[in-house]
Amino acid sequence: MTASPYTPVTLATRLARTLGAKYLLISLGHDGYGGKCPRPVPDTRLICFDPSPATTQGEAEYAGRLAAKYGWSSILVISIAPQEWRAEHRLRRCFHGSVYGAAGGIPLNSWPYEIAYEWGATFKMLIWQRSC
């Protein structure tokens, strides 16, 4: 899916409302998320959490545990555009159902940093952090 003009949290709440999601899982583990839960979405169970570790890996591990607990068969992971592939890949290591991805937008001036960061983070994920 292509990047959205919305932030990941705004996009997630909008999609939860539009698609009628039963659960909405929001990570509070990064400063860019605003550090607080969004307003509830009608008929959707909102679960906000602090991942441990406070990384994409910690987020995927937590989502995988909840998926097993609640018997989810699919997950839509929403991240920022440069992180989308890595977030989906990490989640597939922790969850064996269908994984879909969507990306929220980021400011244009953030792209150089995010691209450099993603190269390093992806290399680390593929070489050293190969499990869930």
Foldseek 3Di string as FASTA:
>chain_A
DDAAQAAQLVVQLVCCQVVVEQEGEAELLDVVVVNDHDDDHPNHHYHYYHFVVSDLLSVLQVVLVVCVVVVDQEDEDEEAVLCFVVSQVSNVLSHVHHYHYYYYYDDPVCVVVSNVVSVVVVVCCVPPVPHD
